[in-house]
Amino acid sequence: RAFFHLPDSAKEPVNMAHTGSNRGWGAPYSEQVDPDANPD
């Protein structure tokens, strides 16, 4: 909870969008588990 309440700028250095794997922070709308729904 303490991590998620940080500003996005503090989470950006571990943003998994910059990697080729699923390690680190995933921002809002970065996953879509159901193709018929909007990203989570």
Full PDB file with SEQRES, HELIX, SHEET, SSBOND, CRYST1, ORIGX, SCALE, CONECT and MASTER records, all heavy atoms in Angstrom:
SEQRES   1 A   40  ARG ALA PHE PHE HIS LEU PRO ASP SER ALA LYS GLU PRO          
SEQRES   2 A   40  VAL ASN MET ALA HIS THR GLY SER ASN ARG GLY TRP GLY          
SEQRES   3 A   40  ALA PRO TYR SER GLU GLN VAL ASP PRO ASP ALA ASN PRO          
SEQRES   4 A   40  ASP                                                          
HELIX    1 AA1 ASP A    8  LYS A   11  1                                   4    
HELIX    2 AA2 GLU A   12  VAL A   14  5                                   3    
HELIX    3 AA3 MET A   16  HIS A   18  5                                   3    
CRYST1    1.000    1.000    1.000  90.00  90.00  90.00 P 1           1          
ORIGX1      1.000000  0.000000  0.000000        0.00000                         
ORIGX2      0.000000  1.000000  0.000000        0.00000                         
ORIGX3      0.000000  0.000000  1.000000        0.00000                         
SCALE1      1.000000  0.000000  0.000000        0.00000                         
SCALE2      0.000000  1.000000  0.000000        0.00000                         
SCALE3      0.000000  0.000000  1.000000        0.00000                         
ATOM      1  N   ARG A   1       0.838  -1.204   0.000  1.00  0.00           N  
ATOM      2  CA  ARG A   1       0.000   0.000   0.000  1.00  0.00           C  
ATOM      3  C   ARG A   1       0.875   1.258   0.000  1.00  0.00           C  
ATOM      4  O   ARG A   1       0.595   2.223  -0.731  1.00  0.00           O  
ATOM      5  CB  ARG A   1      -0.934   0.010   1.216  1.00  0.00           C  
ATOM      6  CG  ARG A   1      -2.070   1.033   1.101  1.00  0.00           C  
ATOM      7  CD  ARG A   1      -2.921   1.083   2.361  1.00  0.00           C  
ATOM      8  NE  ARG A   1      -3.466  -0.192   2.749  1.00  0.00           N  
ATOM      9  CZ  ARG A   1      -4.587  -0.719   2.270  1.00  0.00           C  
ATOM     10  NH1 ARG A   1      -5.282  -0.059   1.355  1.00  0.00           N  
ATOM     11  NH2 ARG A   1      -5.015  -1.901   2.710  1.00  0.00           N  
ATOM     12  N   ALA A   2       1.939   1.233   0.801  1.00  0.00           N  
ATOM     13  CA  ALA A   2       2.834   2.390   0.840  1.00  0.00           C  
ATOM     14  C   ALA A   2       3.471   2.624  -0.530  1.00  0.00           C  
ATOM     15  O   ALA A   2       3.620   3.780  -0.961  1.00  0.00           O  
ATOM     16  CB  ALA A   2       3.912   2.165   1.901  1.00  0.00           C  
ATOM     17  N   PHE A   3       3.826   1.547  -1.224  1.00  0.00           N  
ATOM     18  CA  PHE A   3       4.400   1.699  -2.564  1.00  0.00           C  
ATOM     19  C   PHE A   3       3.369   2.279  -3.531  1.00  0.00           C  
ATOM     20  O   PHE A   3       3.653   3.234  -4.264  1.00  0.00           O  
ATOM     21  CB  PHE A   3       4.909   0.356  -3.079  1.00  0.00           C  
ATOM     22  CG  PHE A   3       5.287   0.377  -4.536  1.00  0.00           C  
ATOM     23  CD1 PHE A   3       6.497   0.926  -4.943  1.00  0.00           C  
ATOM     24  CD2 PHE A   3       4.429  -0.129  -5.504  1.00  0.00           C  
ATOM     25  CE1 PHE A   3       6.840   0.968  -6.289  1.00  0.00           C  
ATOM     26  CE2 PHE A   3       4.759  -0.091  -6.847  1.00  0.00           C  
ATOM     27  CZ  PHE A   3       5.977   0.456  -7.248  1.00  0.00           C  
ATOM     28  N   PHE A   4       2.175   1.712  -3.544  1.00  0.00           N  
ATOM     29  CA  PHE A   4       1.168   2.164  -4.513  1.00  0.00           C  
ATOM     30  C   PHE A   4       0.727   3.604  -4.263  1.00  0.00           C  
ATOM     31  O   PHE A   4       0.298   4.287  -5.198  1.00  0.00           O  
ATOM     32  CB  PHE A   4      -0.031   1.229  -4.501  1.00  0.00           C  
ATOM     33  CG  PHE A   4       0.221  -0.106  -5.147  1.00  0.00           C  
ATOM     34  CD1 PHE A   4       0.050  -1.284  -4.441  1.00  0.00           C  
ATOM     35  CD2 PHE A   4       0.639  -0.191  -6.469  1.00  0.00           C  
ATOM     36  CE1 PHE A   4       0.284  -2.513  -5.029  1.00  0.00           C  
ATOM     37  CE2 PHE A   4       0.878  -1.419  -7.067  1.00  0.00           C  
ATOM     38  CZ  PHE A   4       0.698  -2.585  -6.345  1.00  0.00           C  
ATOM     39  N   HIS A   5       0.839   4.084  -3.028  1.00  0.00           N  
ATOM     40  CA  HIS A   5       0.454   5.452  -2.726  1.00  0.00           C  
ATOM     41  C   HIS A   5       1.535   6.469  -3.105  1.00  0.00           C  
ATOM     42  O   HIS A   5       1.293   7.680  -3.018  1.00  0.00           O  
ATOM     43  CB  HIS A   5       0.104   5.586  -1.241  1.00  0.00           C  
ATOM     44  CG  HIS A   5      -1.240   5.043  -0.903  1.00  0.00           C  
ATOM     45  ND1 HIS A   5      -1.765   5.085   0.375  1.00  0.00           N  
ATOM     46  CD2 HIS A   5      -2.199   4.439  -1.665  1.00  0.00           C  
ATOM     47  CE1 HIS A   5      -2.975   4.529   0.385  1.00  0.00           C  
ATOM     48  NE2 HIS A   5      -3.257   4.134  -0.839  1.00  0.00           N  
ATOM     49  N   LEU A   6       2.709   5.992  -3.513  1.00  0.00           N  
ATOM     50  CA  LEU A   6       3.747   6.907  -3.974  1.00  0.00           C  
ATOM     51  C   LEU A   6       3.316   7.564  -5.281  1.00  0.00           C  
ATOM     52  O   LEU A   6       2.509   7.013  -6.035  1.00  0.00           O  
ATOM     53  CB  LEU A   6       5.052   6.142  -4.220  1.00  0.00           C  
ATOM     54  CG  LEU A   6       5.782   5.559  -3.005  1.00  0.00           C  
ATOM     55  CD1 LEU A   6       6.929   4.672  -3.460  1.00  0.00           C  
ATOM     56  CD2 LEU A   6       6.292   6.678  -2.100  1.00  0.00           C  
ATOM     57  N   PRO A   7       3.853   8.743  -5.594  1.00  0.00           N  
ATOM     58  CA  PRO A   7       3.553   9.337  -6.904  1.00  0.00           C  
ATOM     59  C   PRO A   7       4.105   8.466  -8.021  1.00  0.00           C  
ATOM     60  O   PRO A   7       5.079   7.720  -7.836  1.00  0.00           O  
ATOM     61  CB  PRO A   7       4.268  10.691  -6.845  1.00  0.00           C  
ATOM     62  CG  PRO A   7       5.316  10.533  -5.791  1.00  0.00           C  
ATOM     63  CD  PRO A   7       4.749   9.578  -4.778  1.00  0.00           C  
ATOM     64  N   ASP A   8       3.498   8.550  -9.182  1.00  0.00           N  
ATOM     65  CA  ASP A   8       3.931   7.724 -10.311  1.00  0.00           C  
ATOM     66  C   ASP A   8       5.408   7.946 -10.642  1.00  0.00           C  
ATOM     67  O   ASP A   8       6.094   7.022 -11.094  1.00  0.00           O  
ATOM     68  CB  ASP A   8       3.075   8.013 -11.545  1.00  0.00           C  
ATOM     69  CG  ASP A   8       1.680   7.411 -11.432  1.00  0.00           C  
ATOM     70  OD1 ASP A   8       1.402   6.730 -10.416  1.00  0.00           O  
ATOM     71  OD2 ASP A   8       0.867   7.629 -12.352  1.00  0.00           O  
ATOM     72  N   SER A   9       5.908   9.140 -10.397  1.00  0.00           N  
ATOM     73  CA  SER A   9       7.307   9.418 -10.705  1.00  0.00           C  
ATOM     74  C   SER A   9       8.253   8.547  -9.883  1.00  0.00           C  
ATOM     75  O   SER A   9       9.344   8.192 -10.349  1.00  0.00           O  
ATOM     76  CB  SER A   9       7.617  10.905 -10.455  1.00  0.00           C  
ATOM     77  OG  SER A   9       7.349  11.246  -9.096  1.00  0.00           O  
ATOM     78  N   ALA A  10       7.840   8.169  -8.667  1.00  0.00           N  
ATOM     79  CA  ALA A  10       8.669   7.310  -7.826  1.00  0.00           C  
ATOM     80  C   ALA A  10       8.579   5.848  -8.247  1.00  0.00           C  
ATOM     81  O   ALA A  10       9.487   5.059  -7.977  1.00  0.00           O  
ATOM     82  CB  ALA A  10       8.256   7.456  -6.363  1.00  0.00           C  
ATOM     83  N   LYS A  11       7.490   5.480  -8.924  1.00  0.00           N  
ATOM     84  CA  LYS A  11       7.301   4.099  -9.381  1.00  0.00           C  
ATOM     85  C   LYS A  11       7.860   3.872 -10.785  1.00  0.00           C  
ATOM     86  O   LYS A  11       8.162   2.735 -11.171  1.00  0.00           O  
ATOM     87  CB  LYS A  11       5.812   3.747  -9.343  1.00  0.00           C  
ATOM     88  CG  LYS A  11       5.249   3.699  -7.925  1.00  0.00           C  
ATOM     89  CD  LYS A  11       3.755   3.414  -7.894  1.00  0.00           C  
ATOM     90  CE  LYS A  11       2.935   4.653  -8.142  1.00  0.00           C  
ATOM     91  NZ  LYS A  11       1.501   4.464  -7.835  1.00  0.00           N  
ATOM     92  N   GLU A  12       8.033   4.950 -11.535  1.00  0.00           N  
ATOM     93  CA  GLU A  12       8.450   4.844 -12.926  1.00  0.00           C  
ATOM     94  C   GLU A  12       9.782   4.105 -13.118  1.00  0.00           C  
ATOM     95  O   GLU A  12       9.926   3.356 -14.090  1.00  0.00           O  
ATOM     96  CB  GLU A  12       8.527   6.242 -13.551  1.00  0.00           C  
ATOM     97  CG  GLU A  12       8.811   6.255 -15.043  1.00  0.00           C  
ATOM     98  CD  GLU A  12       7.751   5.542 -15.868  1.00  0.00           C  
ATOM     99  OE1 GLU A  12       6.577   5.472 -15.432  1.00  0.00           O  
ATOM    100  OE2 GLU A  12       8.114   5.039 -16.945  1.00  0.00           O  
ATOM    101  N   PRO A  13      10.783   4.253 -12.233  1.00  0.00           N  
ATOM    102  CA  PRO A  13      12.040   3.527 -12.449  1.00  0.00           C  
ATOM    103  C   PRO A  13      11.892   1.998 -12.472  1.00  0.00           C  
ATOM    104  O   PRO A  13      12.765   1.319 -13.006  1.00  0.00           O  
ATOM    105  CB  PRO A  13      12.916   3.971 -11.271  1.00  0.00           C  
ATOM    106  CG  PRO A  13      12.394   5.323 -10.909  1.00  0.00           C  
ATOM    107  CD  PRO A  13      10.910   5.230 -11.122  1.00  0.00           C  
ATOM    108  N   VAL A  14      10.802   1.461 -11.914  1.00  0.00           N  
ATOM    109  CA  VAL A  14      10.592   0.005 -11.940  1.00  0.00           C  
ATOM    110  C   VAL A  14       9.362  -0.350 -12.779  1.00  0.00           C  
ATOM    111  O   VAL A  14       8.726  -1.385 -12.575  1.00  0.00           O  
ATOM    112  CB  VAL A  14      10.470  -0.583 -10.516  1.00  0.00           C  
ATOM    113  CG1 VAL A  14      11.810  -0.512  -9.811  1.00  0.00           C  
ATOM    114  CG2 VAL A  14       9.390   0.138  -9.696  1.00  0.00           C  
ATOM    115  N   ASN A  15       9.020   0.494 -13.740  1.00  0.00           N  
ATOM    116  CA  ASN A  15       7.875   0.253 -14.612  1.00  0.00           C  
ATOM    117  C   ASN A  15       8.188  -0.910 -15.549  1.00  0.00           C  
ATOM    118  O   ASN A  15       9.125  -0.842 -16.354  1.00  0.00           O  
ATOM    119  CB  ASN A  15       7.565   1.511 -15.422  1.00  0.00           C  
ATOM    120  CG  ASN A  15       6.256   1.413 -16.184  1.00  0.00           C  
ATOM    121  OD1 ASN A  15       5.740   0.320 -16.451  1.00  0.00           O  
ATOM    122  ND2 ASN A  15       5.704   2.552 -16.548  1.00  0.00           N  
ATOM    123  N   MET A  16       7.420  -1.992 -15.455  1.00  0.00           N  
ATOM    124  CA  MET A  16       7.696  -3.168 -16.272  1.00  0.00           C  
ATOM    125  C   MET A  16       7.462  -2.919 -17.766  1.00  0.00           C  
ATOM    126  O   MET A  16       7.897  -3.714 -18.604  1.00  0.00           O  
ATOM    127  CB  MET A  16       6.851  -4.362 -15.805  1.00  0.00           C  
ATOM    128  CG  MET A  16       5.365  -4.250 -16.070  1.00  0.00           C  
ATOM    129  SD  MET A  16       4.478  -5.791 -15.707  1.00  0.00           S  
ATOM    130  CE  MET A  16       4.594  -5.915 -13.928  1.00  0.00           C  
ATOM    131  N   ALA A  17       6.792  -1.830 -18.118  1.00  0.00           N  
ATOM    132  CA  ALA A  17       6.579  -1.521 -19.531  1.00  0.00           C  
ATOM    133  C   ALA A  17       7.888  -1.281 -20.265  1.00  0.00           C  
ATOM    134  O   ALA A  17       7.940  -1.365 -21.492  1.00  0.00           O  
ATOM    135  CB  ALA A  17       5.679  -0.300 -19.678  1.00  0.00           C  
ATOM    136  N   HIS A  18       8.963  -1.003 -19.517  1.00  0.00           N  
ATOM    137  CA  HIS A  18      10.262  -0.772 -20.137  1.00  0.00           C  
ATOM    138  C   HIS A  18      11.081  -2.053 -20.250  1.00  0.00           C  
ATOM    139  O   HIS A  18      12.251  -2.005 -20.635  1.00  0.00           O  
ATOM    140  CB  HIS A  18      11.052   0.267 -19.336  1.00  0.00           C  
ATOM    141  CG  HIS A  18      10.318   1.553 -19.131  1.00  0.00           C  
ATOM    142  ND1 HIS A  18       9.613   2.182 -20.150  1.00  0.00           N  
ATOM    143  CD2 HIS A  18      10.158   2.329 -18.027  1.00  0.00           C  
ATOM    144  CE1 HIS A  18       9.062   3.290 -19.681  1.00  0.00           C  
ATOM    145  NE2 HIS A  18       9.364   3.399 -18.397  1.00  0.00           N  
ATOM    146  N   THR A  19      10.500  -3.179 -19.858  1.00  0.00           N  
ATOM    147  CA  THR A  19      11.223  -4.452 -19.851  1.00  0.00           C  
ATOM    148  C   THR A  19      10.558  -5.431 -20.814  1.00  0.00           C  
ATOM    149  O   THR A  19       9.488  -5.168 -21.363  1.00  0.00           O  
ATOM    150  CB  THR A  19      11.227  -5.076 -18.444  1.00  0.00           C  
ATOM    151  OG1 THR A  19       9.924  -5.635 -18.169  1.00  0.00           O  
ATOM    152  CG2 THR A  19      11.554  -4.046 -17.373  1.00  0.00           C  
ATOM    153  N   GLY A  20      11.184  -6.567 -20.987  1.00  0.00           N  
ATOM    154  CA  GLY A  20      10.580  -7.641 -21.774  1.00  0.00           C  
ATOM    155  C   GLY A  20      10.044  -8.743 -20.896  1.00  0.00           C  
ATOM    156  O   GLY A  20       9.938  -9.893 -21.328  1.00  0.00           O  
ATOM    157  N   SER A  21       9.713  -8.409 -19.653  1.00  0.00           N  
ATOM    158  CA  SER A  21       9.249  -9.428 -18.708  1.00  0.00           C  
ATOM    159  C   SER A  21       8.145  -8.862 -17.847  1.00  0.00           C  
ATOM    160  O   SER A  21       7.692  -7.731 -18.044  1.00  0.00           O  
ATOM    161  CB  SER A  21      10.414  -9.901 -17.831  1.00  0.00           C  
ATOM    162  OG  SER A  21      10.854  -8.846 -16.992  1.00  0.00           O  
ATOM    163  N   ASN A  22       7.702  -9.645 -16.878  1.00  0.00           N  
ATOM    164  CA  ASN A  22       6.663  -9.204 -15.953  1.00  0.00           C  
ATOM    165  C   ASN A  22       7.261  -9.088 -14.550  1.00  0.00           C  
ATOM    166  O   ASN A  22       6.910  -9.810 -13.634  1.00  0.00           O  
ATOM    167  CB  ASN A  22       5.459 -10.142 -15.968  1.00  0.00           C  
ATOM    168  CG  ASN A  22       5.841 -11.585 -15.644  1.00  0.00           C  
ATOM    169  OD1 ASN A  22       6.994 -11.987 -15.791  1.00  0.00           O  
ATOM    170  ND2 ASN A  22       4.867 -12.375 -15.213  1.00  0.00           N  
ATOM    171  N   ARG A  23       8.175  -8.145 -14.413  1.00  0.00           N  
ATOM    172  CA  ARG A  23       8.782  -7.835 -13.120  1.00  0.00           C  
ATOM    173  C   ARG A  23       8.710  -6.331 -12.923  1.00  0.00           C  
ATOM    174  O   ARG A  23       9.079  -5.551 -13.803  1.00  0.00           O  
ATOM    175  CB  ARG A  23      10.247  -8.287 -13.072  1.00  0.00           C  
ATOM    176  CG  ARG A  23      10.468  -9.783 -13.254  1.00  0.00           C  
ATOM    177  CD  ARG A  23       9.948 -10.581 -12.056  1.00  0.00           C  
ATOM    178  NE  ARG A  23      10.356 -11.973 -12.124  1.00  0.00           N  
ATOM    179  CZ  ARG A  23       9.669 -12.936 -12.718  1.00  0.00           C  
ATOM    180  NH1 ARG A  23       8.536 -12.635 -13.348  1.00  0.00           N  
ATOM    181  NH2 ARG A  23      10.096 -14.184 -12.714  1.00  0.00           N  
ATOM    182  N   GLY A  24       8.240  -5.925 -11.733  1.00  0.00           N  
ATOM    183  CA  GLY A  24       8.144  -4.517 -11.420  1.00  0.00           C  
ATOM    184  C   GLY A  24       6.720  -4.015 -11.389  1.00  0.00           C  
ATOM    185  O   GLY A  24       5.764  -4.780 -11.212  1.00  0.00           O  
ATOM    186  N   TRP A  25       6.578  -2.700 -11.566  1.00  0.00           N  
ATOM    187  CA  TRP A  25       5.280  -2.019 -11.444  1.00  0.00           C  
ATOM    188  C   TRP A  25       4.526  -2.052 -12.762  1.00  0.00           C  
ATOM    189  O   TRP A  25       5.074  -1.779 -13.830  1.00  0.00           O  
ATOM    190  CB  TRP A  25       5.531  -0.567 -11.043  1.00  0.00           C  
ATOM    191  CG  TRP A  25       4.308   0.307 -11.011  1.00  0.00           C  
ATOM    192  CD1 TRP A  25       3.166   0.104 -10.298  1.00  0.00           C  
ATOM    193  CD2 TRP A  25       4.121   1.540 -11.717  1.00  0.00           C  
ATOM    194  NE1 TRP A  25       2.272   1.131 -10.513  1.00  0.00           N  
ATOM    195  CE2 TRP A  25       2.843   2.030 -11.379  1.00  0.00           C  
ATOM    196  CE3 TRP A  25       4.914   2.282 -12.598  1.00  0.00           C  
ATOM    197  CZ2 TRP A  25       2.331   3.216 -11.895  1.00  0.00           C  
ATOM    198  CZ3 TRP A  25       4.418   3.472 -13.106  1.00  0.00           C  
ATOM    199  CH2 TRP A  25       3.137   3.938 -12.759  1.00  0.00           C  
ATOM    200  N   GLY A  26       3.242  -2.398 -12.666  1.00  0.00           N  
ATOM    201  CA  GLY A  26       2.342  -2.295 -13.798  1.00  0.00           C  
ATOM    202  C   GLY A  26       1.353  -1.171 -13.548  1.00  0.00           C  
ATOM    203  O   GLY A  26       0.593  -1.194 -12.570  1.00  0.00           O  
ATOM    204  N   ALA A  27       1.373  -0.160 -14.392  1.00  0.00           N  
ATOM    205  CA  ALA A  27       0.521   1.013 -14.225  1.00  0.00           C  
ATOM    206  C   ALA A  27      -0.940   0.671 -14.522  1.00  0.00           C  
ATOM    207  O   ALA A  27      -1.242  -0.386 -15.089  1.00  0.00           O  
ATOM    208  CB  ALA A  27       1.000   2.128 -15.158  1.00  0.00           C  
ATOM    209  N   PRO A  28      -1.881   1.541 -14.167  1.00  0.00           N  
ATOM    210  CA  PRO A  28      -3.282   1.317 -14.547  1.00  0.00           C  
ATOM    211  C   PRO A  28      -3.405   1.119 -16.057  1.00  0.00           C  
ATOM    212  O   PRO A  28      -2.686   1.737 -16.841  1.00  0.00           O  
ATOM    213  CB  PRO A  28      -3.981   2.599 -14.092  1.00  0.00           C  
ATOM    214  CG  PRO A  28      -3.122   3.149 -13.008  1.00  0.00           C  
ATOM    215  CD  PRO A  28      -1.721   2.790 -13.379  1.00  0.00           C  
ATOM    216  N   TYR A  29      -4.295   0.222 -16.434  1.00  0.00           N  
ATOM    217  CA  TYR A  29      -4.623  -0.057 -17.839  1.00  0.00           C  
ATOM    218  C   TYR A  29      -3.453  -0.707 -18.601  1.00  0.00           C  
ATOM    219  O   TYR A  29      -3.411  -0.648 -19.822  1.00  0.00           O  
ATOM    220  CB  TYR A  29      -5.086   1.220 -18.559  1.00  0.00           C  
ATOM    221  CG  TYR A  29      -6.197   1.934 -17.818  1.00  0.00           C  
ATOM    222  CD1 TYR A  29      -5.939   3.120 -17.136  1.00  0.00           C  
ATOM    223  CD2 TYR A  29      -7.487   1.397 -17.763  1.00  0.00           C  
ATOM    224  CE1 TYR A  29      -6.947   3.761 -16.426  1.00  0.00           C  
ATOM    225  CE2 TYR A  29      -8.496   2.039 -17.057  1.00  0.00           C  
ATOM    226  CZ  TYR A  29      -8.229   3.209 -16.384  1.00  0.00           C  
ATOM    227  OH  TYR A  29      -9.231   3.845 -15.680  1.00  0.00           O  
ATOM    228  N   SER A  30      -2.542  -1.353 -17.867  1.00  0.00           N  
ATOM    229  CA  SER A  30      -1.408  -2.018 -18.529  1.00  0.00           C  
ATOM    230  C   SER A  30      -1.665  -3.507 -18.769  1.00  0.00           C  
ATOM    231  O   SER A  30      -0.827  -4.176 -19.362  1.00  0.00           O  
ATOM    232  CB  SER A  30      -0.129  -1.840 -17.709  1.00  0.00           C  
ATOM    233  OG  SER A  30      -0.257  -2.399 -16.417  1.00  0.00           O  
ATOM    234  N   GLU A  31      -2.810  -3.999 -18.300  1.00  0.00           N  
ATOM    235  CA  GLU A  31      -3.182  -5.397 -18.521  1.00  0.00           C  
ATOM    236  C   GLU A  31      -4.600  -5.469 -19.060  1.00  0.00           C  
ATOM    237  O   GLU A  31      -5.441  -4.627 -18.741  1.00  0.00           O  
ATOM    238  CB  GLU A  31      -3.141  -6.206 -17.216  1.00  0.00           C  
ATOM    239  CG  GLU A  31      -1.773  -6.559 -16.719  1.00  0.00           C  
ATOM    240  CD  GLU A  31      -1.856  -7.519 -15.541  1.00  0.00           C  
ATOM    241  OE1 GLU A  31      -2.966  -7.870 -15.096  1.00  0.00           O  
ATOM    242  OE2 GLU A  31      -0.806  -7.905 -15.071  1.00  0.00           O  
ATOM    243  N   GLN A  32      -4.854  -6.515 -19.831  1.00  0.00           N  
ATOM    244  CA  GLN A  32      -6.194  -6.755 -20.360  1.00  0.00           C  
ATOM    245  C   GLN A  32      -6.436  -8.265 -20.331  1.00  0.00           C  
ATOM    246  O   GLN A  32      -6.074  -8.980 -21.249  1.00  0.00           O  
ATOM    247  CB  GLN A  32      -6.318  -6.205 -21.785  1.00  0.00           C  
ATOM    248  CG  GLN A  32      -7.733  -6.250 -22.344  1.00  0.00           C  
ATOM    249  CD  GLN A  32      -7.840  -5.542 -23.681  1.00  0.00           C  
ATOM    250  OE1 GLN A  32      -6.833  -5.249 -24.329  1.00  0.00           O  
ATOM    251  NE2 GLN A  32      -9.062  -5.244 -24.107  1.00  0.00           N  
ATOM    252  N   VAL A  33      -7.052  -8.753 -19.245  1.00  0.00           N  
ATOM    253  CA  VAL A  33      -7.231 -10.195 -19.103  1.00  0.00           C  
ATOM    254  C   VAL A  33      -8.389 -10.721 -19.945  1.00  0.00           C  
ATOM    255  O   VAL A  33      -8.457 -11.909 -20.235  1.00  0.00           O  
ATOM    256  CB  VAL A  33      -7.432 -10.608 -17.624  1.00  0.00           C  
ATOM    257  CG1 VAL A  33      -6.219 -10.233 -16.784  1.00  0.00           C  
ATOM    258  CG2 VAL A  33      -8.702 -10.006 -17.046  1.00  0.00           C  
ATOM    259  N   ASP A  34      -9.315  -9.837 -20.319  1.00  0.00           N  
ATOM    260  CA  ASP A  34     -10.455 -10.231 -21.143  1.00  0.00           C  
ATOM    261  C   ASP A  34     -10.462  -9.340 -22.391  1.00  0.00           C  
ATOM    262  O   ASP A  34     -10.649  -8.127 -22.285  1.00  0.00           O  
ATOM    263  CB  ASP A  34     -11.761 -10.048 -20.366  1.00  0.00           C  
ATOM    264  CG  ASP A  34     -12.999 -10.436 -21.164  1.00  0.00           C  
ATOM    265  OD1 ASP A  34     -12.867 -10.767 -22.365  1.00  0.00           O  
ATOM    266  OD2 ASP A  34     -14.111 -10.401 -20.587  1.00  0.00           O  
ATOM    267  N   PRO A  35     -10.251  -9.917 -23.567  1.00  0.00           N  
ATOM    268  CA  PRO A  35     -10.202  -9.084 -24.780  1.00  0.00           C  
ATOM    269  C   PRO A  35     -11.512  -8.380 -25.085  1.00  0.00           C  
ATOM    270  O   PRO A  35     -11.537  -7.421 -25.869  1.00  0.00           O  
ATOM    271  CB  PRO A  35      -9.827 -10.080 -25.880  1.00  0.00           C  
ATOM    272  CG  PRO A  35     -10.204 -11.419 -25.343  1.00  0.00           C  
ATOM    273  CD  PRO A  35     -10.019 -11.337 -23.857  1.00  0.00           C  
ATOM    274  N   ASP A  36     -12.615  -8.840 -24.492  1.00  0.00           N  
ATOM    275  CA  ASP A  36     -13.910  -8.202 -24.715  1.00  0.00           C  
ATOM    276  C   ASP A  36     -14.210  -7.083 -23.714  1.00  0.00           C  
ATOM    277  O   ASP A  36     -15.256  -6.432 -23.804  1.00  0.00           O  
ATOM    278  CB  ASP A  36     -15.023  -9.249 -24.653  1.00  0.00           C  
ATOM    279  CG  ASP A  36     -14.932 -10.251 -25.793  1.00  0.00           C  
ATOM    280  OD1 ASP A  36     -14.509  -9.853 -26.894  1.00  0.00           O  
ATOM    281  OD2 ASP A  36     -15.263 -11.438 -25.573  1.00  0.00           O  
ATOM    282  N   ALA A  37     -13.301  -6.890 -22.754  1.00  0.00           N  
ATOM    283  CA  ALA A  37     -13.447  -5.801 -21.780  1.00  0.00           C  
ATOM    284  C   ALA A  37     -12.348  -4.779 -22.020  1.00  0.00           C  
ATOM    285  O   ALA A  37     -11.404  -5.015 -22.776  1.00  0.00           O  
ATOM    286  CB  ALA A  37     -13.369  -6.351 -20.358  1.00  0.00           C  
ATOM    287  N   ASN A  38     -12.455  -3.628 -21.377  1.00  0.00           N  
ATOM    288  CA  ASN A  38     -11.396  -2.636 -21.436  1.00  0.00           C  
ATOM    289  C   ASN A  38     -10.212  -3.090 -20.585  1.00  0.00           C  
ATOM    290  O   ASN A  38     -10.372  -3.945 -19.700  1.00  0.00           O  
ATOM    291  CB  ASN A  38     -11.914  -1.289 -20.937  1.00  0.00           C  
ATOM    292  CG  ASN A  38     -12.937  -0.687 -21.877  1.00  0.00           C  
ATOM    293  OD1 ASN A  38     -12.857  -0.873 -23.092  1.00  0.00           O  
ATOM    294  ND2 ASN A  38     -13.910   0.037 -21.332  1.00  0.00           N  
ATOM    295  N   PRO A  39      -9.020  -2.542 -20.817  1.00  0.00           N  
ATOM    296  CA  PRO A  39      -7.891  -2.865 -19.941  1.00  0.00           C  
ATOM    297  C   PRO A  39      -8.238  -2.601 -18.477  1.00  0.00           C  
ATOM    298  O   PRO A  39      -8.990  -1.682 -18.144  1.00  0.00           O  
ATOM    299  CB  PRO A  39      -6.784  -1.935 -20.446  1.00  0.00           C  
ATOM    300  CG  PRO A  39      -7.109  -1.738 -21.898  1.00  0.00           C  
ATOM    301  CD  PRO A  39      -8.614  -1.677 -21.950  1.00  0.00           C  
ATOM    302  N   ASP A  40      -7.696  -3.420 -17.582  1.00  0.00           N  
ATOM    303  CA  ASP A  40      -8.022  -3.352 -16.160  1.00  0.00           C  
ATOM    304  C   ASP A  40      -7.465  -2.068 -15.539  1.00  0.00           C  
ATOM    305  O   ASP A  40      -6.329  -1.682 -15.812  1.00  0.00           O  
ATOM    306  CB  ASP A  40      -7.428  -4.561 -15.433  1.00  0.00           C  
ATOM    307  CG  ASP A  40      -7.883  -5.887 -16.057  1.00  0.00           C  
ATOM    308  OD1 ASP A  40      -9.015  -5.938 -16.573  1.00  0.00           O  
ATOM    309  OD2 ASP A  40      -7.096  -6.847 -16.022  1.00  0.00           O  
TER     310      ASP A  40                                                      
MASTER        0    0    0    3    0    0    0    6  309    1    0    4          
END                                                                             
